[in-house]
Amino acid sequence: MIKDSLSNSGEYIRLIILLLILINKSWAQILPSSFGMHHKKSSSTINYALSFDGSNDYISTGGSNISTSWTVEVWFKKSSNKSGHNFTNKANSGNTSTWSLRLAQWKNMNKVGITKYGNKDYYINNSKANLEIDKWEHVAWTYQSNTVTVYVNGENLGSTFKAYTYNGNQSLPSNAILYWKIIGKSSNSIGGEIDEMRVWNDKRTSDEINDNMFISLDGNESNLVAYYKMSDGSGNSLTDNSTNSNTGTLVNGPTWVTSNAPIGSINSSYRTNIEALWEKIGTSDSEPSDGLSMNVSSALAETNFVVYGNNSSAGTNDSDFPSGESIQKRSSRIWCFDEKGTVTSDIKIDISSATGNSVTPSSASNYKLLYKSCTSCNFSVYATGASSSGDIVTFSNVTIQDGFYAIATTDTNL
């Protein structure tokens, strides 16, 4: 009897352990990413874009005109300079007096612009509006109160246009209505690849454009009319990932291709001032996310990029230090990184911007770059400061991993 009881007890214990394992796996699937690892995207996950031949392929969306205020955003990789990259149109013909957005303007102007059919072809006279060939770039147009503004890679290039064959700046006609029933055109279509296209019925602010251009949307955002994430990957239908069902139909053969547009996955608590290091940046410093910027000695390949944001916390913290280290303070600000491919980069942290404290760094070697792979994990020392200039500390040749980073010091100068 005693032996049987012990045997049953052992079986009960094994059953309980099995149930605990199953429960743990279930919760791991249910809980948000902030409870655990900042997971790297599965290598089996493929991001897609649509490639246009520049001739006659297009998407029919049936989208309704938007007149009062609007914004259109898209990631675009131009395949060549040619006369006209028609982006949005009312129809393939009979467009007199309607408006068309251009990823490169007619007559080999090569610059982002807007056309009023039967009137003029307008373009932004800025070298940055001439998009580079074979590099992903983000373009946005906003409209309100008779003013069209163009953004390229998050930078406001202004609302002053020139027109083909006309000298001087040209004022746009009033009432720039957005027509987007056709994406591309049956003639002089887009030449290149597009990804992450968004249509809004409001004028997005500069901050709204910059804070969201490097991440995917949820699809239920206010004023979002259509969201083409380009996630289908096959077939002749294009899913609208908003809640509005503006499904597109592919005509004349836009083709599905793998996309390397710099779109990352950032933990929802770290989506302040999201920036990226990608091919287009070259060897310049990336834009800073509240004090943190990145730099590479040679331009990244298209397949390699890093998207990063932060938790919007200023000041310093006297806890959550790596064990066995002589850390005295660390930044309350923590940056979340999402890396694709393989990236080795210098990381530069402006202490004043990162912490809000005006300090002059002591010896660079007193500063440590901390890293952890999940929000509930413990920090460890990942790199030691290599140099400093003013209030900027540089950590050299850091192999980037998905996860969370902070700056710390072995003295109190932070």
Protein backbone atom coordinates (compact mmCIF):
# COMPACT_ATOMS: atom_id res chain seq x y z
CA MET A 1 0.00 0.00 0.00
CA ILE A 2 2.80 2.41 0.93
CA LYS A 3 4.68 1.46 -2.26
CA ASP A 4 1.56 2.05 -4.36
CA SER A 5 1.03 5.44 -2.73
CA LEU A 6 4.61 6.47 -3.46
CA SER A 7 4.23 5.35 -7.05
CA ASN A 8 1.00 7.34 -7.43
CA SER A 9 2.63 10.38 -5.81
CA GLY A 10 5.47 10.21 -8.34
CA GLU A 11 2.99 10.07 -11.18
CA TYR A 12 1.11 13.05 -9.76
CA ILE A 13 4.35 15.02 -9.50
CA ARG A 14 5.29 14.21 -13.07
CA LEU A 15 1.78 15.21 -14.21
CA ILE A 16 2.03 18.54 -12.36
CA ILE A 17 5.43 19.25 -13.91
CA LEU A 18 4.05 18.48 -17.37
CA LEU A 19 1.09 20.81 -16.79
CA LEU A 20 3.42 23.60 -15.62
CA ILE A 21 5.50 23.23 -18.79
CA LEU A 22 2.40 23.41 -20.98
CA ILE A 23 1.10 26.47 -19.09
CA ASN A 24 4.47 28.19 -19.42
CA LYS A 25 4.50 27.63 -23.19
CA SER A 26 0.95 28.95 -23.49
CA TRP A 27 1.76 32.12 -21.55
CA ALA A 28 4.89 32.64 -23.62
CA GLN A 29 2.65 32.83 -26.70
CA ILE A 30 0.07 35.10 -25.06
CA LEU A 31 2.20 37.64 -23.19
CA PRO A 32 3.56 40.67 -25.08
CA SER A 33 7.22 40.96 -25.95
CA SER A 34 7.88 43.29 -23.03
CA PHE A 35 7.61 40.28 -20.71
CA GLY A 36 10.49 38.42 -22.26
CA MET A 37 13.01 38.29 -25.02
CA HIS A 38 13.23 40.91 -27.71
CA HIS A 39 12.97 38.20 -30.34
CA LYS A 40 14.93 38.42 -33.53
CA LYS A 41 12.74 38.01 -36.60
CA SER A 42 12.63 34.43 -37.74
CA SER A 43 14.90 33.75 -40.67
CA SER A 44 11.90 32.10 -42.33
CA THR A 45 9.91 35.38 -42.24
CA ILE A 46 10.13 37.15 -45.59
CA ASN A 47 9.22 40.78 -46.11
CA TYR A 48 7.85 41.55 -49.56
CA ALA A 49 7.62 44.50 -51.93
CA LEU A 50 6.05 45.01 -55.33
CA SER A 51 8.34 45.61 -58.31
CA PHE A 52 7.12 47.71 -61.27
CA ASP A 53 8.71 47.63 -64.72
CA GLY A 54 8.37 51.37 -65.39
CA SER A 55 6.17 50.75 -68.40
CA ASN A 56 2.54 49.71 -67.98
CA ASP A 57 1.99 47.81 -64.74
CA TYR A 58 -0.17 49.23 -61.97
CA ILE A 59 -2.50 48.51 -59.05
CA SER A 60 -6.22 49.24 -59.18
CA THR A 61 -7.45 50.18 -55.68
CA GLY A 62 -10.80 51.87 -56.26
CA GLY A 63 -9.78 54.37 -53.60
CA SER A 64 -12.05 57.37 -53.10
CA ASN A 65 -10.74 60.90 -53.66
CA ILE A 66 -9.56 62.85 -50.58
CA SER A 67 -9.77 66.62 -50.72
CA THR A 68 -9.60 68.50 -47.38
CA SER A 69 -6.34 67.16 -46.00
CA TRP A 70 -4.29 64.07 -46.77
CA THR A 71 -0.94 62.32 -46.49
CA VAL A 72 0.63 59.60 -48.64
CA GLU A 73 3.75 57.69 -47.57
CA VAL A 74 5.77 54.99 -49.31
CA TRP A 75 9.17 53.31 -49.28
CA PHE A 76 10.58 53.33 -52.81
CA LYS A 77 13.68 51.81 -54.45
CA LYS A 78 14.11 53.48 -57.83
CA SER A 79 15.47 51.22 -60.56
CA SER A 80 16.50 53.93 -63.03
CA ASN A 81 16.18 57.57 -64.00
CA LYS A 82 13.47 57.86 -66.60
CA SER A 83 10.93 60.39 -67.72
CA GLY A 84 8.20 60.18 -65.12
CA HIS A 85 7.53 57.75 -62.28
CA ASN A 86 3.73 57.98 -62.04
CA PHE A 87 2.68 57.02 -58.53
CA THR A 88 -0.98 57.92 -57.82
CA ASN A 89 -3.63 58.66 -60.44
CA LYS A 90 -7.39 58.83 -60.91
CA ALA A 91 -7.29 56.64 -64.02
CA ASN A 92 -5.02 55.42 -66.80
CA SER A 93 -6.37 58.07 -69.17
CA GLY A 94 -8.76 61.01 -69.20
CA ASN A 95 -7.11 62.65 -66.20
CA THR A 96 -7.44 66.28 -67.28
CA SER A 97 -7.69 68.63 -64.28
CA THR A 98 -6.89 65.84 -61.80
CA TRP A 99 -3.75 65.47 -59.71
CA SER A 100 -0.95 62.89 -59.75
CA LEU A 101 1.87 62.30 -57.26
CA ARG A 102 5.23 61.61 -58.91
CA LEU A 103 8.17 59.70 -57.41
CA ALA A 104 10.22 61.35 -60.15
CA GLN A 105 8.83 64.13 -62.32
CA TRP A 106 8.15 64.09 -66.07
CA LYS A 107 10.74 65.25 -68.67
CA ASN A 108 13.68 63.71 -66.79
CA MET A 109 13.49 66.15 -63.91
CA ASN A 110 14.08 63.07 -61.72
CA LYS A 111 12.80 64.86 -58.63
CA VAL A 112 9.82 64.08 -56.42
CA GLY A 113 6.82 66.20 -57.33
CA ILE A 114 3.15 66.55 -58.15
CA THR A 115 1.31 67.15 -61.42
CA LYS A 116 -1.99 68.75 -62.27
CA TYR A 117 -2.94 67.28 -65.64
CA GLY A 118 -3.57 69.98 -68.23
CA ASN A 119 -1.68 72.48 -66.10
CA LYS A 120 1.96 71.95 -65.03
CA ASP A 121 4.42 69.37 -63.74
CA TYR A 122 5.78 70.58 -60.41
CA TYR A 123 8.87 69.34 -58.57
CA ILE A 124 10.88 70.10 -55.43
CA ASN A 125 14.12 71.77 -56.52
CA ASN A 126 16.33 70.07 -53.94
CA SER A 127 19.03 67.48 -54.63
CA LYS A 128 17.55 65.23 -51.94
CA ALA A 129 14.34 65.05 -53.98
CA ASN A 130 16.35 63.25 -56.68
CA LEU A 131 16.15 59.76 -55.21
CA GLU A 132 19.16 57.50 -55.58
CA ILE A 133 19.00 54.47 -57.85
CA ASP A 134 18.78 51.06 -56.13
CA LYS A 135 18.49 52.45 -52.61
CA TRP A 136 15.44 52.36 -50.38
CA GLU A 137 14.15 55.84 -49.54
CA HIS A 138 11.02 57.04 -47.76
CA VAL A 139 8.82 59.65 -49.44
CA ALA A 140 5.80 61.46 -48.01
CA TRP A 141 3.47 64.16 -49.32
CA THR A 142 1.15 66.08 -46.99
CA TYR A 143 -1.63 68.48 -47.92
CA GLN A 144 -3.77 70.99 -46.05
CA SER A 145 -4.97 74.55 -46.71
CA ASN A 146 -3.68 74.59 -50.30
CA THR A 147 -0.15 73.64 -49.22
CA VAL A 148 1.62 70.47 -50.37
CA THR A 149 4.76 69.55 -48.42
CA VAL A 150 7.28 66.89 -49.44
CA TYR A 151 9.37 64.79 -47.04
CA VAL A 152 12.24 62.53 -48.08
CA ASN A 153 13.66 60.17 -45.46
CA GLY A 154 11.82 62.14 -42.80
CA GLU A 155 13.33 65.49 -43.80
CA ASN A 156 10.95 68.31 -44.70
CA LEU A 157 12.04 69.50 -48.16
CA GLY A 158 9.50 72.28 -48.11
CA SER A 159 6.45 73.41 -50.04
CA THR A 160 8.14 75.50 -52.73
CA PHE A 161 7.92 74.02 -56.21
CA LYS A 162 9.34 74.69 -59.64
CA ALA A 163 7.71 73.66 -62.91
CA TYR A 164 9.09 72.22 -66.13
CA THR A 165 10.10 74.92 -68.70
CA TYR A 166 9.15 77.72 -66.27
CA ASN A 167 11.64 79.99 -64.52
CA GLY A 168 11.42 80.71 -60.82
CA ASN A 169 9.21 79.21 -58.16
CA GLN A 170 5.68 78.26 -59.09
CA SER A 171 2.58 78.37 -56.91
CA LEU A 172 0.43 75.26 -57.03
CA PRO A 173 -3.18 75.65 -58.11
CA SER A 174 -5.59 75.47 -55.19
CA ASN A 175 -7.42 72.36 -54.01
CA ALA A 176 -4.85 69.59 -54.54
CA ILE A 177 -7.15 66.59 -54.43
CA LEU A 178 -5.62 63.16 -53.82
CA TYR A 179 -6.60 60.66 -56.53
CA TRP A 180 -5.37 57.14 -55.80
CA LYS A 181 -7.63 54.72 -57.65
CA ILE A 182 -4.54 53.78 -59.66
CA ILE A 183 -1.08 53.12 -58.18
CA GLY A 184 1.37 53.28 -61.06
CA LYS A 185 -0.09 53.74 -64.54
CA SER A 186 -0.61 51.94 -67.85
CA SER A 187 2.05 54.25 -69.30
CA ASN A 188 5.15 55.77 -67.65
CA SER A 189 4.51 53.72 -64.55
CA ILE A 190 6.68 53.42 -61.47
CA GLY A 191 10.12 52.04 -62.21
CA GLY A 192 11.29 50.21 -59.11
CA GLU A 193 10.00 48.64 -55.92
CA ILE A 194 7.50 49.98 -53.37
CA ASP A 195 6.76 48.88 -49.82
CA GLU A 196 4.76 50.07 -46.79
CA MET A 197 2.38 52.44 -48.61
CA ARG A 198 0.04 54.43 -46.37
CA VAL A 199 -2.85 56.75 -47.22
CA TRP A 200 -4.25 59.10 -44.54
CA ASN A 201 -7.13 61.56 -44.53
CA ASP A 202 -5.25 64.04 -42.36
CA LYS A 203 -2.04 66.03 -42.61
CA ARG A 204 0.58 64.05 -40.73
CA THR A 205 3.04 66.10 -38.70
CA SER A 206 6.79 65.82 -39.09
CA ASP A 207 6.99 63.91 -35.79
CA GLU A 208 4.26 61.49 -36.86
CA ILE A 209 6.05 60.75 -40.11
CA ASN A 210 9.45 60.33 -38.47
CA ASP A 211 8.22 58.26 -35.52
CA ASN A 212 6.50 55.67 -37.73
CA MET A 213 8.44 55.42 -41.00
CA PHE A 214 10.77 52.66 -39.74
CA ILE A 215 8.11 50.43 -38.14
CA SER A 216 4.96 48.68 -39.31
CA LEU A 217 1.59 50.06 -38.24
CA ASP A 218 -1.11 48.20 -36.34
CA GLY A 219 -3.63 49.08 -39.06
CA ASN A 220 -6.26 50.61 -36.78
CA GLU A 221 -4.65 54.04 -36.39
CA SER A 222 -6.93 57.08 -36.52
CA ASN A 223 -7.35 58.64 -39.98
CA LEU A 224 -5.64 55.72 -41.73
CA VAL A 225 -7.55 55.17 -44.99
CA ALA A 226 -5.41 52.44 -46.55
CA TYR A 227 -2.29 50.54 -45.53
CA TYR A 228 -0.50 48.35 -48.04
CA LYS A 229 2.08 46.43 -46.04
CA MET A 230 2.87 44.34 -49.16
CA SER A 231 2.71 41.18 -47.07
CA ASP A 232 0.85 38.98 -49.58
CA GLY A 233 3.95 37.76 -51.39
CA SER A 234 2.05 36.11 -54.25
CA GLY A 235 -1.09 36.38 -56.34
CA ASN A 236 -2.80 39.33 -58.03
CA SER A 237 -4.51 40.82 -54.96
CA LEU A 238 -2.99 43.39 -52.60
CA THR A 239 -4.33 43.29 -49.05
CA ASP A 240 -5.30 46.53 -47.36
CA ASN A 241 -3.94 46.09 -43.83
CA SER A 242 -6.07 48.93 -42.48
CA THR A 243 -9.64 48.34 -41.34
CA ASN A 244 -11.10 49.76 -44.58
CA SER A 245 -10.81 46.91 -47.10
CA ASN A 246 -9.38 48.92 -50.00
CA THR A 247 -8.09 45.75 -51.63
CA GLY A 248 -5.87 46.31 -54.65
CA THR A 249 -5.74 44.33 -57.89
CA LEU A 250 -2.42 43.91 -59.69
CA VAL A 251 -2.65 44.66 -63.44
CA ASN A 252 -0.10 43.96 -66.21
CA GLY A 253 2.26 42.17 -63.88
CA PRO A 254 3.75 44.01 -60.91
CA THR A 255 5.84 41.23 -59.37
CA TRP A 256 6.41 40.18 -55.78
CA VAL A 257 10.02 40.45 -54.61
CA THR A 258 11.84 40.21 -51.29
CA SER A 259 11.99 43.60 -49.57
CA ASN A 260 14.92 45.00 -47.63
CA ALA A 261 13.23 48.30 -46.80
CA PRO A 262 14.44 49.26 -43.29
CA ILE A 263 11.31 48.35 -41.35
CA GLY A 264 11.94 47.03 -37.84
CA SER A 265 10.07 45.63 -34.88
CA ILE A 266 10.47 47.79 -31.78
CA ASN A 267 9.00 46.98 -28.35
CA SER A 268 5.98 49.26 -27.82
CA SER A 269 7.55 50.85 -24.70
CA TYR A 270 10.60 51.98 -26.70
CA ARG A 271 9.04 53.82 -29.64
CA THR A 272 10.30 57.31 -28.85
CA ASN A 273 12.38 58.97 -31.57
CA ILE A 274 12.77 55.86 -33.76
CA GLU A 275 15.68 56.08 -36.19
CA ALA A 276 17.63 53.71 -38.44
CA LEU A 277 21.04 52.96 -39.86
CA TRP A 278 20.67 51.60 -43.40
CA GLU A 279 22.35 51.61 -46.80
CA LYS A 280 21.24 55.14 -47.69
CA ILE A 281 23.09 56.63 -44.67
CA GLY A 282 26.46 55.56 -46.07
CA THR A 283 29.33 56.52 -43.75
CA SER A 284 27.55 59.52 -42.23
CA ASP A 285 26.26 59.41 -38.67
CA SER A 286 22.71 58.11 -38.41
CA GLU A 287 20.08 60.43 -36.97
CA PRO A 288 20.25 60.40 -33.15
CA SER A 289 17.59 58.80 -30.99
CA ASP A 290 17.81 61.09 -27.96
CA GLY A 291 21.57 61.04 -27.85
CA LEU A 292 22.43 57.74 -29.53
CA SER A 293 23.66 57.62 -33.12
CA MET A 294 25.58 55.07 -35.18
CA ASN A 295 28.34 55.15 -37.77
CA VAL A 296 29.95 52.59 -40.07
CA SER A 297 33.29 52.84 -41.87
CA SER A 298 31.80 51.57 -45.14
CA ALA A 299 28.22 51.70 -46.36
CA LEU A 300 26.01 48.80 -45.34
CA ALA A 301 24.70 46.32 -47.85
CA GLU A 302 20.97 46.62 -48.54
CA THR A 303 20.28 43.45 -46.55
CA ASN A 304 21.81 44.88 -43.35
CA PHE A 305 20.18 47.56 -41.22
CA VAL A 306 19.35 48.55 -37.64
CA VAL A 307 16.17 50.23 -36.37
CA TYR A 308 16.30 51.71 -32.87
CA GLY A 309 14.19 53.77 -30.45
CA ASN A 310 14.15 54.52 -26.74
CA ASN A 311 11.98 54.51 -23.62
CA SER A 312 11.82 58.30 -23.22
CA SER A 313 13.39 58.26 -19.72
CA ALA A 314 15.84 61.02 -18.81
CA GLY A 315 18.18 61.16 -15.80
CA THR A 316 20.23 58.37 -14.25
CA ASN A 317 19.59 55.18 -12.33
CA ASP A 318 21.45 53.75 -9.35
CA SER A 319 20.24 50.18 -9.72
CA ASP A 320 20.03 47.31 -12.23
CA PHE A 321 23.80 47.14 -12.62
CA PRO A 322 25.83 44.21 -13.96
CA SER A 323 27.08 42.01 -11.14
CA GLY A 324 30.80 42.03 -10.45
CA GLU A 325 31.32 45.43 -12.11
CA SER A 326 32.23 48.76 -10.52
CA ILE A 327 29.30 50.62 -12.03
CA GLN A 328 28.17 53.73 -10.16
CA LYS A 329 25.42 55.04 -12.43
CA ARG A 330 23.64 54.18 -15.65
CA SER A 331 21.29 56.10 -17.89
CA SER A 332 17.59 55.74 -17.18
CA ARG A 333 17.17 55.99 -20.94
CA ILE A 334 17.35 52.57 -22.57
CA TRP A 335 17.49 52.02 -26.32
CA CYS A 336 15.84 49.09 -28.09
CA PHE A 337 17.59 47.76 -31.22
CA ASP A 338 16.20 45.58 -34.00
CA GLU A 339 18.93 44.42 -36.37
CA LYS A 340 18.66 42.62 -39.69
CA GLY A 341 21.59 40.84 -41.29
CA THR A 342 25.00 41.55 -39.77
CA VAL A 343 25.97 45.04 -38.59
CA THR A 344 29.14 46.18 -36.83
CA SER A 345 29.04 49.85 -36.00
CA ASP A 346 30.44 52.59 -33.80
CA ILE A 347 27.85 53.70 -31.27
CA LYS A 348 28.03 57.34 -30.20
CA ILE A 349 26.18 58.53 -27.12
CA ASP A 350 25.78 62.20 -26.29
CA ILE A 351 25.52 62.07 -22.51
CA SER A 352 23.79 65.45 -22.16
CA SER A 353 21.08 64.46 -24.65
CA ALA A 354 20.76 60.95 -23.25
CA THR A 355 20.43 61.88 -19.58
CA GLY A 356 19.51 65.56 -19.59
CA ASN A 357 22.56 66.26 -17.42
CA SER A 358 25.26 68.66 -18.60
CA VAL A 359 28.53 66.80 -18.07
CA THR A 360 31.99 66.59 -19.56
CA PRO A 361 33.02 62.94 -19.77
CA SER A 362 36.02 61.83 -17.79
CA SER A 363 38.24 59.15 -19.30
CA ALA A 364 36.36 57.35 -22.08
CA SER A 365 37.31 53.99 -20.56
CA ASN A 366 35.21 54.83 -17.49
CA TYR A 367 32.09 54.49 -19.64
CA LYS A 368 30.45 51.17 -20.40
CA LEU A 369 27.83 50.18 -22.93
CA LEU A 370 25.37 47.87 -21.18
CA TYR A 371 23.31 45.23 -22.97
CA LYS A 372 20.50 42.84 -22.17
CA SER A 373 18.48 40.64 -24.49
CA CYS A 374 15.10 41.13 -22.78
CA THR A 375 13.38 43.68 -20.55
CA SER A 376 13.43 41.35 -17.53
CA CYS A 377 17.03 40.20 -18.09
CA ASN A 378 20.06 41.58 -16.27
CA PHE A 379 22.43 44.04 -17.90
CA SER A 380 25.97 43.01 -18.73
CA VAL A 381 28.91 45.12 -19.92
CA TYR A 382 29.01 44.87 -23.71
CA ALA A 383 31.65 47.44 -24.67
CA THR A 384 34.02 49.99 -23.12
CA GLY A 385 34.30 53.58 -24.30
CA ALA A 386 37.07 54.01 -26.87
CA SER A 387 37.15 57.81 -27.16
CA SER A 388 35.29 60.95 -26.17
CA SER A 389 34.80 64.41 -27.64
CA GLY A 390 32.88 67.08 -25.82
CA ASP A 391 30.06 65.20 -24.11
CA ILE A 392 30.00 62.36 -26.68
CA VAL A 393 31.43 58.93 -25.85
CA THR A 394 32.17 56.54 -28.72
CA PHE A 395 32.07 52.75 -28.44
CA SER A 396 33.98 51.34 -31.41
CA ASN A 397 33.22 48.35 -33.64
CA VAL A 398 30.22 47.09 -31.70
CA THR A 399 28.61 43.94 -33.08
CA ILE A 400 24.92 44.84 -32.97
CA GLN A 401 22.43 42.42 -31.46
CA ASP A 402 18.69 42.68 -31.01
CA GLY A 403 18.02 43.86 -27.48
CA PHE A 404 18.33 46.76 -25.06
CA TYR A 405 21.26 49.12 -24.44
CA ALA A 406 22.19 51.77 -21.87
CA ILE A 407 25.29 53.78 -20.99
CA ALA A 408 26.90 53.49 -17.56
CA THR A 409 29.96 54.85 -15.78
CA THR A 410 32.40 53.59 -13.15
CA ASP A 411 32.50 57.09 -11.64
CA THR A 412 29.60 59.46 -10.96
CA ASN A 413 30.08 61.62 -14.06
CA LEU A 414 26.90 60.81 -15.98
